[in-house]
Amino acid sequence: MKYLYVLIIIFFSTSLFAYNNTFTKPFKNGSPACTSCHSIKAAGFSGKTWGPDLSTLYIDFDSDADSIKSFIKDSGIPPMDAVYKGRNLSDEELNNLIKAFASLGSKNVESNNLFFTLFVIFFVGIFVAIKIFFRKNEILEANK
């Protein structure tokens, strides 16, 4: 029984972090991840940040991957250029990042938050149902 609870907790924990960690991984050359400075609410990354939300970046650049890559490499924004300009950012990493932004597409931030909320409620409900179904009734067991 204990193993079932452990499996549920492991599944729930990994599903939260497996959503899209592309935004949270630093580049191989040591440049920081996007979420170091920006929120990406459509991907579930929100919090206190000083950069703007990047949820609609792909749409804002008219789905032009080359423009996004160029912007990342040389944005004209001093803090961003300090960590990315002139760095050897690999095409593979940039392409993965572009795919991650493209996957957000025109997703509505509020609908993603609703999905996450329902996701949490669903797993808490399953956990409670399993706990109720498999609970020990010591009075009944004493009368066996």
N, C-alpha and C. Protein backbone atom coordinates (compact mmCIF):
# COMPACT_ATOMS: atom_id res chain seq x y z
N MET A 1 0.82 -1.19 0.00
CA MET A 1 0.00 0.00 0.00
C MET A 1 0.86 1.26 0.00
N LYS A 2 1.91 1.21 0.81
CA LYS A 2 2.80 2.37 0.88
C LYS A 2 3.42 2.64 -0.48
N TYR A 3 3.68 1.56 -1.23
CA TYR A 3 4.29 1.72 -2.54
C TYR A 3 3.35 2.42 -3.51
N LEU A 4 2.07 2.19 -3.38
CA LEU A 4 1.09 2.86 -4.23
C LEU A 4 1.12 4.36 -3.99
N TYR A 5 1.19 4.76 -2.74
CA TYR A 5 1.27 6.19 -2.42
C TYR A 5 2.55 6.80 -2.97
N VAL A 6 3.64 6.08 -2.84
CA VAL A 6 4.92 6.57 -3.36
C VAL A 6 4.84 6.74 -4.87
N LEU A 7 4.25 5.76 -5.57
CA LEU A 7 4.10 5.86 -7.02
C LEU A 7 3.24 7.05 -7.42
N ILE A 8 2.17 7.28 -6.70
CA ILE A 8 1.30 8.42 -7.00
C ILE A 8 2.07 9.73 -6.81
N ILE A 9 2.81 9.85 -5.72
CA ILE A 9 3.57 11.06 -5.46
C ILE A 9 4.64 11.26 -6.52
N ILE A 10 5.34 10.19 -6.90
CA ILE A 10 6.38 10.31 -7.93
C ILE A 10 5.76 10.73 -9.25
N PHE A 11 4.65 10.10 -9.63
CA PHE A 11 4.00 10.44 -10.90
C PHE A 11 3.55 11.89 -10.90
N PHE A 12 2.93 12.31 -9.82
CA PHE A 12 2.44 13.68 -9.73
C PHE A 12 3.59 14.69 -9.78
N SER A 13 4.67 14.41 -9.05
CA SER A 13 5.81 15.32 -9.02
C SER A 13 6.47 15.43 -10.38
N THR A 14 6.69 14.31 -11.03
CA THR A 14 7.36 14.36 -12.33
C THR A 14 6.48 14.99 -13.39
N SER A 15 5.18 14.80 -13.31
CA SER A 15 4.30 15.40 -14.31
C SER A 15 4.29 16.92 -14.20
N LEU A 16 4.49 17.45 -13.02
CA LEU A 16 4.54 18.90 -12.86
C LEU A 16 5.77 19.49 -13.53
N PHE A 17 6.91 18.81 -13.40
CA PHE A 17 8.15 19.37 -13.92
C PHE A 17 8.44 18.95 -15.35
N ALA A 18 7.71 17.98 -15.87
CA ALA A 18 7.96 17.52 -17.22
C ALA A 18 7.20 18.34 -18.26
N TYR A 19 6.42 19.31 -17.81
CA TYR A 19 5.61 20.08 -18.76
C TYR A 19 6.47 20.66 -19.86
N ASN A 20 7.47 21.41 -19.53
CA ASN A 20 8.41 21.91 -20.53
C ASN A 20 9.58 22.55 -19.80
N ASN A 21 10.64 21.77 -19.64
CA ASN A 21 11.79 22.31 -18.92
C ASN A 21 12.78 23.01 -19.84
N THR A 22 12.45 23.13 -21.13
CA THR A 22 13.33 23.84 -22.06
C THR A 22 13.53 25.28 -21.61
N PHE A 23 12.49 25.88 -21.05
CA PHE A 23 12.59 27.27 -20.63
C PHE A 23 13.43 27.45 -19.37
N THR A 24 13.62 26.39 -18.61
CA THR A 24 14.33 26.51 -17.34
C THR A 24 15.77 26.02 -17.40
N LYS A 25 16.16 25.42 -18.53
CA LYS A 25 17.53 24.91 -18.66
C LYS A 25 18.47 26.02 -19.14
N PRO A 26 19.57 26.22 -18.43
CA PRO A 26 20.57 27.18 -18.93
C PRO A 26 21.21 26.63 -20.21
N PHE A 27 21.74 27.52 -21.01
CA PHE A 27 22.43 27.09 -22.23
C PHE A 27 23.72 26.40 -21.85
N LYS A 28 24.22 25.56 -22.75
CA LYS A 28 25.44 24.80 -22.49
C LYS A 28 26.65 25.70 -22.27
N ASN A 29 26.63 26.90 -22.87
CA ASN A 29 27.77 27.80 -22.73
C ASN A 29 27.72 28.59 -21.42
N GLY A 30 26.72 28.33 -20.59
CA GLY A 30 26.63 29.01 -19.31
C GLY A 30 25.66 30.17 -19.28
N SER A 31 25.11 30.53 -20.43
CA SER A 31 24.12 31.61 -20.44
C SER A 31 22.86 31.15 -19.70
N PRO A 32 22.21 32.06 -18.98
CA PRO A 32 21.08 31.65 -18.14
C PRO A 32 19.84 31.25 -18.94
N ALA A 33 18.96 30.54 -18.27
CA ALA A 33 17.70 30.14 -18.86
C ALA A 33 16.76 31.34 -19.00
N CYS A 34 15.79 31.21 -19.87
CA CYS A 34 14.82 32.30 -20.09
C CYS A 34 14.10 32.68 -18.80
N THR A 35 13.76 31.66 -18.01
CA THR A 35 12.99 31.91 -16.80
C THR A 35 13.82 32.51 -15.67
N SER A 36 15.10 32.74 -15.93
CA SER A 36 15.92 33.46 -14.94
C SER A 36 15.44 34.90 -14.81
N CYS A 37 14.94 35.44 -15.92
CA CYS A 37 14.52 36.85 -15.94
C CYS A 37 13.06 37.04 -16.35
N HIS A 38 12.50 36.04 -17.02
CA HIS A 38 11.16 36.20 -17.59
C HIS A 38 10.19 35.16 -17.03
N SER A 39 8.93 35.54 -16.98
CA SER A 39 7.88 34.56 -16.74
C SER A 39 7.38 34.09 -18.10
N ILE A 40 6.86 32.87 -18.12
CA ILE A 40 6.23 32.32 -19.33
C ILE A 40 4.95 31.66 -18.83
N LYS A 41 3.96 32.49 -18.57
CA LYS A 41 2.73 32.03 -17.92
C LYS A 41 2.02 30.93 -18.69
N ALA A 42 2.06 30.97 -20.01
CA ALA A 42 1.38 29.95 -20.82
C ALA A 42 2.01 28.58 -20.64
N ALA A 43 3.26 28.54 -20.18
CA ALA A 43 3.94 27.27 -19.92
C ALA A 43 3.92 26.92 -18.43
N GLY A 44 3.29 27.76 -17.63
CA GLY A 44 3.19 27.49 -16.20
C GLY A 44 4.32 28.06 -15.37
N PHE A 45 5.15 28.92 -15.96
CA PHE A 45 6.25 29.54 -15.23
C PHE A 45 5.89 30.99 -14.94
N SER A 46 5.42 31.21 -13.75
CA SER A 46 5.08 32.59 -13.38
C SER A 46 5.66 32.86 -12.01
N GLY A 47 5.98 34.07 -11.81
CA GLY A 47 6.57 34.46 -10.55
C GLY A 47 7.09 35.87 -10.68
N LYS A 48 7.80 36.31 -9.67
CA LYS A 48 8.36 37.66 -9.71
C LYS A 48 9.56 37.66 -10.66
N THR A 49 9.43 38.39 -11.73
CA THR A 49 10.51 38.54 -12.69
C THR A 49 10.57 39.99 -13.11
N TRP A 50 11.72 40.40 -13.62
CA TRP A 50 11.82 41.78 -14.03
C TRP A 50 11.70 41.92 -15.54
N GLY A 51 11.76 40.82 -16.27
CA GLY A 51 11.56 40.86 -17.72
C GLY A 51 10.10 40.60 -18.04
N PRO A 52 9.67 40.94 -19.25
CA PRO A 52 8.26 40.73 -19.61
C PRO A 52 7.92 39.25 -19.80
N ASP A 53 6.65 38.94 -19.74
CA ASP A 53 6.16 37.58 -19.97
C ASP A 53 6.41 37.22 -21.43
N LEU A 54 6.96 36.03 -21.68
CA LEU A 54 7.29 35.60 -23.03
C LEU A 54 6.29 34.62 -23.62
N SER A 55 5.12 34.53 -23.05
CA SER A 55 4.12 33.57 -23.51
C SER A 55 3.77 33.74 -24.98
N THR A 56 3.77 34.96 -25.47
CA THR A 56 3.36 35.21 -26.85
C THR A 56 4.53 35.59 -27.75
N LEU A 57 5.74 35.26 -27.35
CA LEU A 57 6.93 35.64 -28.12
C LEU A 57 6.86 35.14 -29.56
N TYR A 58 6.47 33.89 -29.73
CA TYR A 58 6.42 33.30 -31.08
C TYR A 58 5.42 34.04 -31.96
N ILE A 59 4.30 34.41 -31.40
CA ILE A 59 3.27 35.15 -32.14
C ILE A 59 3.74 36.58 -32.39
N ASP A 60 4.37 37.19 -31.39
CA ASP A 60 4.85 38.57 -31.52
C ASP A 60 5.85 38.72 -32.66
N PHE A 61 6.61 37.67 -32.93
CA PHE A 61 7.59 37.70 -34.01
C PHE A 61 7.02 37.06 -35.29
N ASP A 62 5.71 36.99 -35.40
CA ASP A 62 5.03 36.45 -36.58
C ASP A 62 5.54 35.06 -36.97
N SER A 63 5.80 34.24 -35.99
CA SER A 63 6.25 32.85 -36.19
C SER A 63 7.53 32.76 -37.00
N ASP A 64 8.36 33.78 -36.95
CA ASP A 64 9.61 33.81 -37.70
C ASP A 64 10.76 33.37 -36.79
N ALA A 65 11.16 32.12 -36.93
CA ALA A 65 12.19 31.55 -36.05
C ALA A 65 13.52 32.29 -36.18
N ASP A 66 13.88 32.69 -37.39
CA ASP A 66 15.16 33.38 -37.57
C ASP A 66 15.19 34.72 -36.85
N SER A 67 14.07 35.42 -36.86
CA SER A 67 14.00 36.70 -36.14
C SER A 67 14.15 36.51 -34.63
N ILE A 68 13.54 35.46 -34.13
CA ILE A 68 13.64 35.18 -32.69
C ILE A 68 15.09 34.83 -32.33
N LYS A 69 15.73 34.00 -33.15
CA LYS A 69 17.14 33.64 -32.90
C LYS A 69 18.02 34.88 -32.92
N SER A 70 17.80 35.73 -33.91
CA SER A 70 18.60 36.97 -34.02
C SER A 70 18.38 37.86 -32.81
N PHE A 71 17.12 37.95 -32.35
CA PHE A 71 16.80 38.77 -31.20
C PHE A 71 17.49 38.25 -29.94
N ILE A 72 17.49 36.93 -29.77
CA ILE A 72 18.14 36.34 -28.60
C ILE A 72 19.64 36.65 -28.62
N LYS A 73 20.25 36.52 -29.78
CA LYS A 73 21.70 36.73 -29.91
C LYS A 73 22.11 38.20 -29.79
N ASP A 74 21.23 39.12 -30.24
CA ASP A 74 21.56 40.54 -30.21
C ASP A 74 20.25 41.34 -30.12
N SER A 75 19.78 41.53 -28.90
CA SER A 75 18.47 42.14 -28.69
C SER A 75 18.51 43.66 -28.64
N GLY A 76 19.63 44.21 -28.28
CA GLY A 76 19.69 45.66 -28.07
C GLY A 76 19.27 46.05 -26.66
N ILE A 77 18.94 45.07 -25.84
CA ILE A 77 18.58 45.29 -24.44
C ILE A 77 19.82 44.98 -23.61
N PRO A 78 20.40 45.97 -22.95
CA PRO A 78 21.72 45.78 -22.29
C PRO A 78 21.83 44.55 -21.38
N PRO A 79 20.89 44.29 -20.47
CA PRO A 79 21.08 43.11 -19.62
C PRO A 79 21.05 41.80 -20.41
N MET A 80 20.18 41.76 -21.43
CA MET A 80 20.08 40.54 -22.22
C MET A 80 21.32 40.36 -23.10
N ASP A 81 21.79 41.44 -23.67
CA ASP A 81 22.99 41.36 -24.50
C ASP A 81 24.22 40.98 -23.67
N ALA A 82 24.23 41.37 -22.42
CA ALA A 82 25.37 41.06 -21.55
C ALA A 82 25.54 39.55 -21.38
N VAL A 83 24.45 38.81 -21.43
CA VAL A 83 24.55 37.36 -21.21
C VAL A 83 24.43 36.53 -22.48
N TYR A 84 23.96 37.11 -23.58
CA TYR A 84 23.77 36.33 -24.81
C TYR A 84 24.60 36.81 -26.00
N LYS A 85 24.81 38.12 -26.13
CA LYS A 85 25.48 38.66 -27.33
C LYS A 85 26.93 38.18 -27.39
N GLY A 86 27.31 37.70 -28.56
CA GLY A 86 28.67 37.24 -28.75
C GLY A 86 28.95 35.86 -28.17
N ARG A 87 27.97 35.26 -27.52
CA ARG A 87 28.13 33.91 -26.97
C ARG A 87 27.88 32.90 -28.08
N ASN A 88 28.47 31.79 -27.98
CA ASN A 88 28.31 30.75 -28.98
C ASN A 88 27.10 29.89 -28.60
N LEU A 89 25.91 30.38 -28.93
CA LEU A 89 24.68 29.64 -28.65
C LEU A 89 24.48 28.61 -29.76
N SER A 90 24.31 27.35 -29.38
CA SER A 90 24.21 26.30 -30.39
C SER A 90 22.86 26.37 -31.11
N ASP A 91 22.90 26.00 -32.39
CA ASP A 91 21.67 25.98 -33.18
C ASP A 91 20.67 24.98 -32.61
N GLU A 92 21.18 23.87 -32.09
CA GLU A 92 20.30 22.85 -31.51
C GLU A 92 19.51 23.43 -30.33
N GLU A 93 20.20 24.12 -29.44
CA GLU A 93 19.53 24.71 -28.28
C GLU A 93 18.54 25.78 -28.71
N LEU A 94 18.94 26.62 -29.64
CA LEU A 94 18.03 27.67 -30.11
C LEU A 94 16.82 27.07 -30.81
N ASN A 95 17.02 26.03 -31.61
CA ASN A 95 15.89 25.38 -32.29
C ASN A 95 14.94 24.74 -31.28
N ASN A 96 15.48 24.12 -30.24
CA ASN A 96 14.63 23.55 -29.19
C ASN A 96 13.83 24.63 -28.48
N LEU A 97 14.48 25.77 -28.26
CA LEU A 97 13.80 26.88 -27.61
C LEU A 97 12.68 27.43 -28.51
N ILE A 98 12.96 27.56 -29.80
CA ILE A 98 11.95 28.04 -30.75
C ILE A 98 10.77 27.07 -30.79
N LYS A 99 11.06 25.77 -30.81
CA LYS A 99 9.98 24.76 -30.82
C LYS A 99 9.13 24.87 -29.55
N ALA A 100 9.79 25.12 -28.42
CA ALA A 100 9.05 25.26 -27.17
C ALA A 100 8.15 26.49 -27.20
N PHE A 101 8.66 27.61 -27.73
CA PHE A 101 7.82 28.80 -27.86
C PHE A 101 6.70 28.57 -28.86
N ALA A 102 6.99 27.86 -29.95
CA ALA A 102 5.97 27.58 -30.95
C ALA A 102 4.87 26.68 -30.38
N SER A 103 5.26 25.78 -29.47
CA SER A 103 4.26 24.88 -28.88
C SER A 103 3.26 25.64 -28.02
N LEU A 104 3.69 26.80 -27.52
CA LEU A 104 2.76 27.62 -26.75
C LEU A 104 1.73 28.23 -27.68
N GLY A 105 2.17 28.54 -28.90
CA GLY A 105 1.28 29.09 -29.91
C GLY A 105 0.44 30.22 -29.38
N SER A 106 -0.83 30.10 -29.61
CA SER A 106 -1.76 31.14 -29.16
C SER A 106 -2.52 30.69 -27.93
N LYS A 107 -1.89 29.82 -27.14
CA LYS A 107 -2.56 29.33 -25.94
C LYS A 107 -2.95 30.49 -25.04
N ASN A 108 -4.10 30.36 -24.51
CA ASN A 108 -4.60 31.36 -23.58
C ASN A 108 -4.02 31.06 -22.20
N VAL A 109 -3.39 32.03 -21.61
CA VAL A 109 -2.73 31.84 -20.32
C VAL A 109 -3.74 31.39 -19.26
N GLU A 110 -4.91 31.98 -19.26
CA GLU A 110 -5.91 31.63 -18.26
C GLU A 110 -6.36 30.17 -18.43
N SER A 111 -6.49 29.70 -19.67
CA SER A 111 -6.93 28.32 -19.86
C SER A 111 -5.86 27.35 -19.40
N ASN A 112 -4.57 27.70 -19.54
CA ASN A 112 -3.51 26.83 -19.04
C ASN A 112 -3.52 26.78 -17.52
N ASN A 113 -3.78 27.92 -16.89
CA ASN A 113 -3.87 27.92 -15.43
C ASN A 113 -5.06 27.08 -14.98
N LEU A 114 -6.16 27.14 -15.72
CA LEU A 114 -7.32 26.32 -15.39
C LEU A 114 -6.98 24.85 -15.56
N PHE A 115 -6.27 24.51 -16.64
CA PHE A 115 -5.87 23.12 -16.85
C PHE A 115 -5.01 22.63 -15.70
N PHE A 116 -4.03 23.43 -15.28
CA PHE A 116 -3.15 23.04 -14.18
C PHE A 116 -3.96 22.86 -12.89
N THR A 117 -4.88 23.76 -12.63
CA THR A 117 -5.72 23.66 -11.43
C THR A 117 -6.54 22.38 -11.46
N LEU A 118 -7.16 22.09 -12.59
CA LEU A 118 -7.95 20.86 -12.71
C LEU A 118 -7.06 19.62 -12.59
N PHE A 119 -5.86 19.71 -13.12
CA PHE A 119 -4.90 18.62 -13.03
C PHE A 119 -4.58 18.31 -11.57
N VAL A 120 -4.32 19.34 -10.79
CA VAL A 120 -4.01 19.18 -9.37
C VAL A 120 -5.22 18.61 -8.62
N ILE A 121 -6.40 19.17 -8.88
CA ILE A 121 -7.62 18.69 -8.22
C ILE A 121 -7.87 17.22 -8.54
N PHE A 122 -7.66 16.83 -9.80
CA PHE A 122 -7.87 15.45 -10.22
C PHE A 122 -6.97 14.50 -9.43
N PHE A 123 -5.67 14.83 -9.33
CA PHE A 123 -4.76 13.93 -8.62
C PHE A 123 -4.98 13.94 -7.12
N VAL A 124 -5.35 15.05 -6.56
CA VAL A 124 -5.68 15.06 -5.14
C VAL A 124 -6.92 14.22 -4.90
N GLY A 125 -7.90 14.32 -5.81
CA GLY A 125 -9.11 13.51 -5.70
C GLY A 125 -8.81 12.02 -5.78
N ILE A 126 -7.96 11.64 -6.70
CA ILE A 126 -7.58 10.23 -6.81
C ILE A 126 -6.87 9.76 -5.54
N PHE A 127 -5.97 10.59 -5.03
CA PHE A 127 -5.25 10.23 -3.81
C PHE A 127 -6.23 10.04 -2.64
N VAL A 128 -7.16 10.95 -2.49
CA VAL A 128 -8.15 10.84 -1.41
C VAL A 128 -9.02 9.60 -1.60
N ALA A 129 -9.45 9.34 -2.82
CA ALA A 129 -10.28 8.15 -3.09
C ALA A 129 -9.53 6.87 -2.75
N ILE A 130 -8.27 6.80 -3.12
CA ILE A 130 -7.47 5.61 -2.81
C ILE A 130 -7.28 5.47 -1.31
N LYS A 131 -7.04 6.58 -0.65
CA LYS A 131 -6.86 6.55 0.81
C LYS A 131 -8.15 6.06 1.50
N ILE A 132 -9.29 6.53 1.04
CA ILE A 132 -10.56 6.10 1.63
C ILE A 132 -10.83 4.62 1.34
N PHE A 133 -10.58 4.21 0.10
CA PHE A 133 -10.86 2.84 -0.31
C PHE A 133 -9.99 1.83 0.44
N PHE A 134 -8.73 2.16 0.66
CA PHE A 134 -7.81 1.22 1.27
C PHE A 134 -7.53 1.50 2.75
N ARG A 135 -8.36 2.31 3.39
CA ARG A 135 -8.10 2.62 4.79
C ARG A 135 -8.35 1.39 5.66
N LYS A 136 -7.70 1.37 6.78
CA LYS A 136 -7.87 0.28 7.74
C LYS A 136 -8.99 0.64 8.70
N ASN A 137 -9.87 -0.29 8.93
CA ASN A 137 -10.90 -0.11 9.93
C ASN A 137 -10.56 -1.07 11.07
N GLU A 138 -9.94 -0.53 12.10
CA GLU A 138 -9.42 -1.37 13.17
C GLU A 138 -10.53 -2.05 13.97
N ILE A 139 -11.70 -1.46 14.06
CA ILE A 139 -12.82 -2.09 14.78
C ILE A 139 -13.27 -3.34 14.04
N LEU A 140 -13.43 -3.24 12.72
CA LEU A 140 -13.83 -4.41 11.93
C LEU A 140 -12.75 -5.49 11.97
N GLU A 141 -11.50 -5.11 11.91
CA GLU A 141 -10.43 -6.08 11.93
C GLU A 141 -10.31 -6.77 13.29
N ALA A 142 -10.64 -6.06 14.34
CA ALA A 142 -10.59 -6.66 15.68
C ALA A 142 -11.69 -7.68 15.86
N ASN A 143 -12.82 -7.54 15.15
CA ASN A 143 -13.96 -8.46 15.29
C ASN A 143 -13.86 -9.67 14.37
N LYS A 144 -12.82 -9.79 13.55
CA LYS A 144 -12.70 -10.92 12.62
C LYS A 144 -12.51 -12.21 13.32
